[in-house]
């Protein structure tokens, strides 16, 4: 059986997706930059560096040759957001012009572009989709029930091509054509998860965390609507669903980063020696910058930026948020 789908990026999430897609005997090509990681995956059936809990199916084959994946009709791009453009820029020269499903959650530093904008520029011939939702990699790899949003820039025709490729008994995609909304939900929730980790690190209690999730969702909604997302998308799996999951568990890299900040570590100390990437650390500054530029009120994103930059200790930043002027909870959705 020849492979019909490739996964670009062998971190925890890329490896979990490859394992999920291999259910039922489907062959999946998994690309990694590091030859030693590829050799170990193929020899040991494990990705001990990024997802040690999973035993990979025999039909998952790792490779360092991006050209092998470029020959396939469907690719899932799971490279960290800040490196995505550089990797995808290689695909046109390798002849790829199929369906490209983006699975990284972030906003490109410097340019402020969403991942779909990065991909459209790097691979003009590709049909872009976005896969996003509440997904801890180890649970997906273990076959636990998971639901995601699959947003398709090509509408229902692209959905009909992609949904059979992605759907598995324990992985259920839901259709959307709101690519912007799917991307913004995933990017903003990473920043809010850092803030929720800070609340836990300071031992401020579950009331405070619940309030932060609710006010964070309002912030996500303001930002998303201003950028052209739909409110119903952000209230779904790729927005509110992902937000609740990521803001509630140390299995979240972003939550764990915030927890360390709340316990008094600097950002450099908290990020030192980590194999995996906390996307929110790179997204927070650009998110706050866009908010300031476009007049979108983003107090939580701004607070996370101050913490990451070491401008104030966690307790002081929280006190500044609590001292904000009193206001109505509900805001016009326009």
Protein backbone atom coordinates (compact mmCIF):
# COMPACT_ATOMS: atom_id res chain seq x y z
CA UNK A 1 0.00 0.00 0.00
CA UNK A 2 1.46 3.37 -1.00
CA UNK A 3 1.18 6.42 1.22
CA UNK A 4 -1.54 8.98 0.45
CA UNK A 5 -0.77 11.41 3.26
CA UNK A 6 2.38 12.93 4.70
CA UNK A 7 3.02 14.70 7.99
CA UNK A 8 5.65 17.45 7.99
CA UNK A 9 7.11 17.68 11.49
CA UNK A 10 7.85 14.88 13.94
CA UNK A 11 7.25 16.68 17.21
CA UNK A 12 4.65 15.36 19.64
CA UNK A 13 1.64 16.59 17.66
CA UNK A 14 2.99 15.54 14.26
CA UNK A 15 3.86 12.09 15.58
CA UNK A 16 0.42 11.72 17.17
CA UNK A 17 -1.31 12.68 13.93
CA UNK A 18 0.80 10.21 11.97
CA UNK A 19 -0.14 7.47 14.42
CA UNK A 20 -3.83 8.38 14.27
CA UNK A 21 -3.88 8.46 10.47
CA UNK A 22 -2.15 5.06 10.32
CA UNK A 23 -5.12 3.40 12.05
CA UNK A 24 -6.63 0.83 9.69
CA UNK A 25 -3.38 0.15 7.87
CA UNK A 26 -2.97 3.45 6.03
CA UNK A 27 0.64 4.23 5.21
CA UNK A 28 1.84 7.60 6.48
CA UNK A 29 5.12 9.35 5.74
CA UNK A 30 6.46 11.40 8.65
CA UNK A 31 9.12 14.02 7.89
CA UNK A 32 11.75 15.11 10.38
CA UNK A 33 14.84 17.23 9.85
CA UNK A 34 17.08 15.18 12.17
CA UNK A 35 18.46 11.94 10.64
CA UNK A 36 18.99 10.38 14.07
CA UNK A 37 15.34 10.93 15.00
CA UNK A 38 14.19 9.35 11.73
CA UNK A 39 16.44 6.34 12.29
CA UNK A 40 15.17 5.81 15.83
CA UNK A 41 11.50 6.11 14.81
CA UNK A 42 11.91 3.56 12.03
CA UNK A 43 14.01 1.16 14.11
CA UNK A 44 12.26 1.39 17.47
CA UNK A 45 8.67 2.36 16.49
CA UNK A 46 8.87 5.18 19.06
CA UNK A 47 9.58 8.89 19.08
CA UNK A 48 11.37 8.85 22.42
CA UNK A 49 12.27 12.54 22.20
CA UNK A 50 8.81 14.05 21.71
CA UNK A 51 6.15 11.37 22.32
CA UNK A 52 7.67 8.47 24.28
CA UNK A 53 4.31 7.06 25.38
CA UNK A 54 3.25 5.97 21.87
CA UNK A 55 4.19 2.78 20.05
CA UNK A 56 3.90 3.67 16.38
CA UNK A 57 2.19 1.52 13.77
CA UNK A 58 4.36 -0.32 11.26
CA UNK A 59 2.73 1.76 8.53
CA UNK A 60 4.26 4.99 9.87
CA UNK A 61 7.56 5.56 8.07
CA UNK A 62 9.85 8.46 8.91
CA UNK A 63 12.06 10.21 6.35
CA UNK A 64 14.34 13.23 6.06
CA UNK A 65 13.46 13.59 2.36
CA UNK A 66 10.81 16.27 1.91
CA UNK A 67 10.65 15.34 -1.78
CA UNK A 68 9.02 12.02 -0.80
CA UNK A 69 6.18 13.88 0.86
CA UNK A 70 5.83 16.43 -1.95
CA UNK A 71 4.74 13.62 -4.25
CA UNK A 72 1.67 12.91 -2.08
CA UNK A 73 -1.79 14.48 -2.62
CA UNK A 74 -2.32 15.51 1.04
CA UNK A 75 0.19 16.96 3.50
CA UNK A 76 -0.34 17.94 7.13
CA UNK A 77 2.09 20.67 8.19
CA UNK A 78 2.91 20.39 11.89
CA UNK A 79 6.10 22.45 11.99
CA UNK A 80 6.18 25.09 14.77
CA UNK A 81 4.58 28.32 13.62
CA UNK A 82 7.74 30.42 13.54
CA UNK A 83 9.51 27.91 11.26
CA UNK A 84 6.59 26.98 9.02
CA UNK A 85 7.29 29.41 6.18
CA UNK A 86 10.89 28.29 5.73
CA UNK A 87 9.93 24.63 5.47
CA UNK A 88 6.93 25.17 3.19
CA UNK A 89 8.96 27.35 0.82
CA UNK A 90 10.74 24.18 -0.30
CA UNK A 91 7.55 22.50 -1.55
CA UNK A 92 6.92 24.36 -4.85
CA UNK A 93 10.38 23.44 -6.11
CA UNK A 94 9.60 19.80 -5.30
CA UNK A 95 6.41 19.91 -7.35
CA UNK A 96 3.76 19.88 -4.62
CA UNK A 97 0.35 21.35 -5.53
CA UNK A 98 -2.12 19.31 -3.47
CA UNK A 99 -4.06 19.80 -0.23
CA UNK A 100 -1.99 21.38 2.55
CA UNK A 101 -3.53 21.13 6.02
CA UNK A 102 -1.99 23.46 8.61
CA UNK A 103 -1.77 22.13 12.15
CA UNK A 104 0.52 24.73 13.78
CA UNK A 105 -1.12 27.33 16.02
CA UNK A 106 0.43 30.76 16.03
CA UNK A 107 1.02 34.11 14.37
CA UNK A 108 4.27 34.78 12.52
CA UNK A 109 6.53 37.15 14.44
CA UNK A 110 7.61 40.18 12.47
CA UNK A 111 4.98 39.92 9.76
CA UNK A 112 1.86 39.34 11.91
CA UNK A 113 0.62 36.83 9.35
CA UNK A 114 -1.60 33.88 10.21
CA UNK A 115 -0.34 30.47 9.13
CA UNK A 116 -2.71 30.29 6.15
CA UNK A 117 -1.26 33.55 4.86
CA UNK A 118 2.26 32.19 5.34
CA UNK A 119 1.35 29.00 3.50
CA UNK A 120 -0.44 30.76 0.62
CA UNK A 121 2.67 32.86 0.04
CA UNK A 122 5.10 29.94 0.31
CA UNK A 123 3.06 27.39 -1.70
CA UNK A 124 0.79 29.33 -4.09
CA UNK A 125 -0.51 26.19 -5.80
CA UNK A 126 -1.71 24.46 -2.64
CA UNK A 127 -5.30 24.18 -1.41
CA UNK A 128 -5.11 25.33 2.22
CA UNK A 129 -6.94 23.77 5.14
CA UNK A 130 -6.60 24.22 8.90
CA UNK A 131 -6.93 21.48 11.50
CA UNK A 132 -7.47 22.85 15.00
CA UNK A 133 -9.20 21.97 18.24
CA UNK A 134 -8.74 20.57 21.76
CA UNK A 135 -6.01 18.02 21.13
CA UNK A 136 -3.41 16.76 23.56
CA UNK A 137 -0.99 14.74 21.47
CA UNK A 138 -0.62 11.80 23.84
CA UNK A 139 -4.39 11.28 23.95
CA UNK A 140 -4.75 11.36 20.16
CA UNK A 141 -1.88 8.89 19.79
CA UNK A 142 -3.54 6.61 22.34
CA UNK A 143 -6.78 6.59 20.32
CA UNK A 144 -8.87 8.46 22.88
CA UNK A 145 -11.96 10.24 21.47
CA UNK A 146 -11.12 13.64 19.98
CA UNK A 147 -13.09 16.16 17.92
CA UNK A 148 -11.50 18.90 15.80
CA UNK A 149 -12.40 21.64 13.36
CA UNK A 150 -11.27 21.10 9.78
CA UNK A 151 -11.54 24.49 8.08
CA UNK A 152 -11.23 24.41 4.30
CA UNK A 153 -10.40 27.42 2.14
CA UNK A 154 -11.76 25.44 -0.80
CA UNK A 155 -15.17 24.97 0.80
CA UNK A 156 -17.20 21.78 0.72
CA UNK A 157 -15.40 20.32 -2.28
CA UNK A 158 -12.13 20.34 -0.37
CA UNK A 159 -13.89 19.03 2.74
CA UNK A 160 -15.14 16.04 0.75
CA UNK A 161 -11.56 15.28 -0.27
CA UNK A 162 -10.00 15.78 3.14
CA UNK A 163 -12.52 14.50 5.67
CA UNK A 164 -12.05 10.80 4.73
CA UNK A 165 -8.28 11.28 4.99
CA UNK A 166 -8.46 12.79 8.49
CA UNK A 167 -11.45 11.04 10.07
CA UNK A 168 -10.83 7.95 12.16
CA UNK A 169 -13.05 6.11 14.68
CA UNK A 170 -11.58 8.17 17.51
CA UNK A 171 -10.78 11.38 15.57
CA UNK A 172 -13.87 13.24 14.39
CA UNK A 173 -13.48 16.36 12.20
CA UNK A 174 -16.22 18.98 11.89
CA UNK A 175 -16.42 21.14 8.77
CA UNK A 176 -15.94 24.89 8.60
CA UNK A 177 -15.04 27.31 5.83
CA UNK A 178 -13.87 29.93 8.35
CA UNK A 179 -10.11 29.49 8.05
CA UNK A 180 -9.42 32.80 9.78
CA UNK A 181 -11.52 31.86 12.79
CA UNK A 182 -9.91 28.43 13.11
CA UNK A 183 -6.46 29.99 13.06
CA UNK A 184 -7.19 32.81 15.48
CA UNK A 185 -8.76 30.47 18.02
CA UNK A 186 -5.66 28.28 18.06
CA UNK A 187 -3.21 31.18 18.21
CA UNK A 188 -4.91 33.25 20.91
CA UNK A 189 -5.68 30.35 23.23
CA UNK A 190 -1.95 29.62 23.56
CA UNK A 191 -1.37 33.08 25.00
CA UNK A 192 -4.35 32.78 27.34
CA UNK A 193 -3.07 29.39 28.53
CA UNK A 194 0.14 31.06 29.70
CA UNK A 195 -1.96 33.48 31.73
CA UNK A 196 -3.95 30.64 33.29
CA UNK A 197 -0.73 28.87 34.21
CA UNK A 198 0.40 32.03 35.99
CA UNK A 199 -2.83 32.01 38.03
CA UNK A 200 -2.08 28.45 39.14
CA UNK A 201 1.55 29.27 39.83
CA UNK A 202 0.45 32.09 42.13
CA UNK A 203 -2.12 29.76 43.78
CA UNK A 204 -4.94 32.22 43.14
CA UNK A 205 -7.59 29.49 43.01
CA UNK A 206 -10.05 28.00 40.56
CA UNK A 207 -12.42 30.98 40.70
CA UNK A 208 -9.67 33.16 39.30
CA UNK A 209 -8.81 30.68 36.57
CA UNK A 210 -12.44 30.34 35.49
CA UNK A 211 -12.81 34.11 35.37
CA UNK A 212 -9.64 34.40 33.31
CA UNK A 213 -10.86 31.79 30.82
CA UNK A 214 -14.15 33.69 30.40
CA UNK A 215 -12.50 37.09 30.02
CA UNK A 216 -9.86 35.54 27.80
CA UNK A 217 -12.57 34.20 25.53
CA UNK A 218 -14.00 37.74 25.29
CA UNK A 219 -10.53 38.91 24.26
CA UNK A 220 -10.28 36.15 21.65
CA UNK A 221 -13.69 37.13 20.31
CA UNK A 222 -12.79 40.82 20.04
CA UNK A 223 -9.58 40.04 18.19
CA UNK A 224 -11.18 37.43 15.93
CA UNK A 225 -14.14 39.57 14.87
CA UNK A 226 -11.81 42.46 14.09
CA UNK A 227 -9.77 40.18 11.81
CA UNK A 228 -12.76 38.71 9.96
CA UNK A 229 -13.49 35.56 11.96
CA UNK A 230 -17.03 34.45 12.77
CA UNK A 231 -18.29 34.33 16.34
CA UNK A 232 -19.76 30.84 15.90
CA UNK A 233 -16.35 29.48 14.87
CA UNK A 234 -14.70 30.89 17.98
CA UNK A 235 -17.44 29.40 20.15
CA UNK A 236 -16.68 25.96 18.74
CA UNK A 237 -13.96 23.34 19.02
CA UNK A 238 -11.12 25.44 17.61
CA UNK A 239 -11.89 28.40 19.88
CA UNK A 240 -13.67 27.86 23.18
CA UNK A 241 -13.09 24.09 23.16
CA UNK A 242 -9.34 24.42 22.71
CA UNK A 243 -9.22 27.28 25.20
CA UNK A 244 -10.83 25.25 27.99
CA UNK A 245 -8.51 22.28 27.45
CA UNK A 246 -5.27 24.25 27.17
CA UNK A 247 -6.02 26.50 30.14
CA UNK A 248 -6.69 23.62 32.52
CA UNK A 249 -3.80 21.17 32.44
CA UNK A 250 -0.04 20.92 32.80
CA UNK A 251 -0.14 18.71 29.70
CA UNK A 252 -0.30 22.05 27.89
CA UNK A 253 3.18 23.43 27.18
CA UNK A 254 1.83 26.98 27.33
CA UNK A 255 0.07 26.40 30.65
CA UNK A 256 3.26 24.86 32.04
CA UNK A 257 5.24 27.92 30.92
CA UNK A 258 2.80 30.20 32.74
CA UNK A 259 2.92 27.98 35.82
CA UNK A 260 6.70 28.41 35.95
CA UNK A 261 6.38 32.18 35.52
CA UNK A 262 3.85 32.31 38.35
CA UNK A 263 6.26 30.37 40.56
CA UNK A 264 8.94 33.00 40.02
CA UNK A 265 11.04 31.71 37.12
CA UNK A 266 12.03 34.01 34.27
CA UNK A 267 10.88 33.17 30.75
CA UNK A 268 14.44 32.17 29.82
CA UNK A 269 14.65 29.82 32.81
CA UNK A 270 11.22 28.32 32.13
CA UNK A 271 11.98 27.68 28.45
CA UNK A 272 15.53 26.43 28.93
CA UNK A 273 16.20 22.85 27.90
CA UNK A 274 12.71 22.16 26.56
CA UNK A 275 12.35 19.84 23.55
CA UNK A 276 8.89 21.12 22.67
CA UNK A 277 7.80 24.64 21.73
CA UNK A 278 5.40 26.81 23.73
CA UNK A 279 3.89 28.66 20.77
CA UNK A 280 2.27 31.30 22.97
CA UNK A 281 5.65 32.76 23.95
CA UNK A 282 6.27 33.85 20.35
CA UNK A 283 2.64 34.70 19.62
CA UNK A 284 2.00 36.99 22.62
CA UNK A 285 4.18 39.93 21.49
CA UNK A 286 2.81 40.00 17.95
CA UNK A 287 -0.77 39.53 19.20
CA UNK A 288 -0.41 42.48 21.56
CA UNK A 289 1.26 44.58 18.86
CA UNK A 290 -1.60 43.96 16.41
CA UNK A 291 -4.08 44.80 19.15
CA UNK A 292 -2.39 48.12 19.84
CA UNK A 293 -2.10 48.94 16.14
CA UNK A 294 -5.72 48.14 15.36
CA UNK A 295 -7.26 49.48 18.56
CA UNK A 296 -8.32 46.05 19.88
CA UNK A 297 -8.31 45.86 23.67
CA UNK A 298 -6.07 42.93 24.69
CA UNK A 299 -5.26 43.33 28.40
CA UNK A 300 -4.44 39.67 29.04
CA UNK A 301 -2.13 39.44 26.03
CA UNK A 302 -0.43 42.64 27.15
CA UNK A 303 0.02 41.22 30.66
CA UNK A 304 1.57 38.02 29.30
CA UNK A 305 3.99 40.13 27.24
CA UNK A 306 5.13 42.04 30.31
CA UNK A 307 5.78 38.78 32.12
CA UNK A 308 7.68 37.21 29.22
CA UNK A 309 9.80 40.34 28.85
CA UNK A 310 10.54 40.41 32.59
CA UNK A 311 9.10 43.91 33.00
CA UNK A 312 7.23 43.03 36.19
CA UNK A 313 6.78 40.05 38.53
CA UNK A 314 3.71 37.89 38.15
CA UNK A 315 1.98 39.18 41.29
CA UNK A 316 2.32 42.78 40.15
CA UNK A 317 0.98 42.02 36.68
CA UNK A 318 -2.09 40.28 38.13
CA UNK A 319 -2.67 43.22 40.50
CA UNK A 320 -2.63 45.59 37.50
CA UNK A 321 -5.31 43.53 35.74
CA UNK A 322 -7.48 43.47 38.88
CA UNK A 323 -7.15 47.26 39.16
CA UNK A 324 -8.59 47.89 35.69
CA UNK A 325 -11.70 50.12 35.61
CA UNK A 326 -15.03 48.43 36.30
CA UNK A 327 -17.18 47.89 33.22
CA UNK A 328 -20.11 46.01 31.69
CA UNK A 329 -19.41 42.33 31.01
CA UNK A 330 -21.18 42.08 27.64
CA UNK A 331 -19.86 43.96 24.63
CA UNK A 332 -21.33 44.56 21.18
CA UNK A 333 -20.23 41.92 18.66
CA UNK A 334 -19.29 44.42 15.98
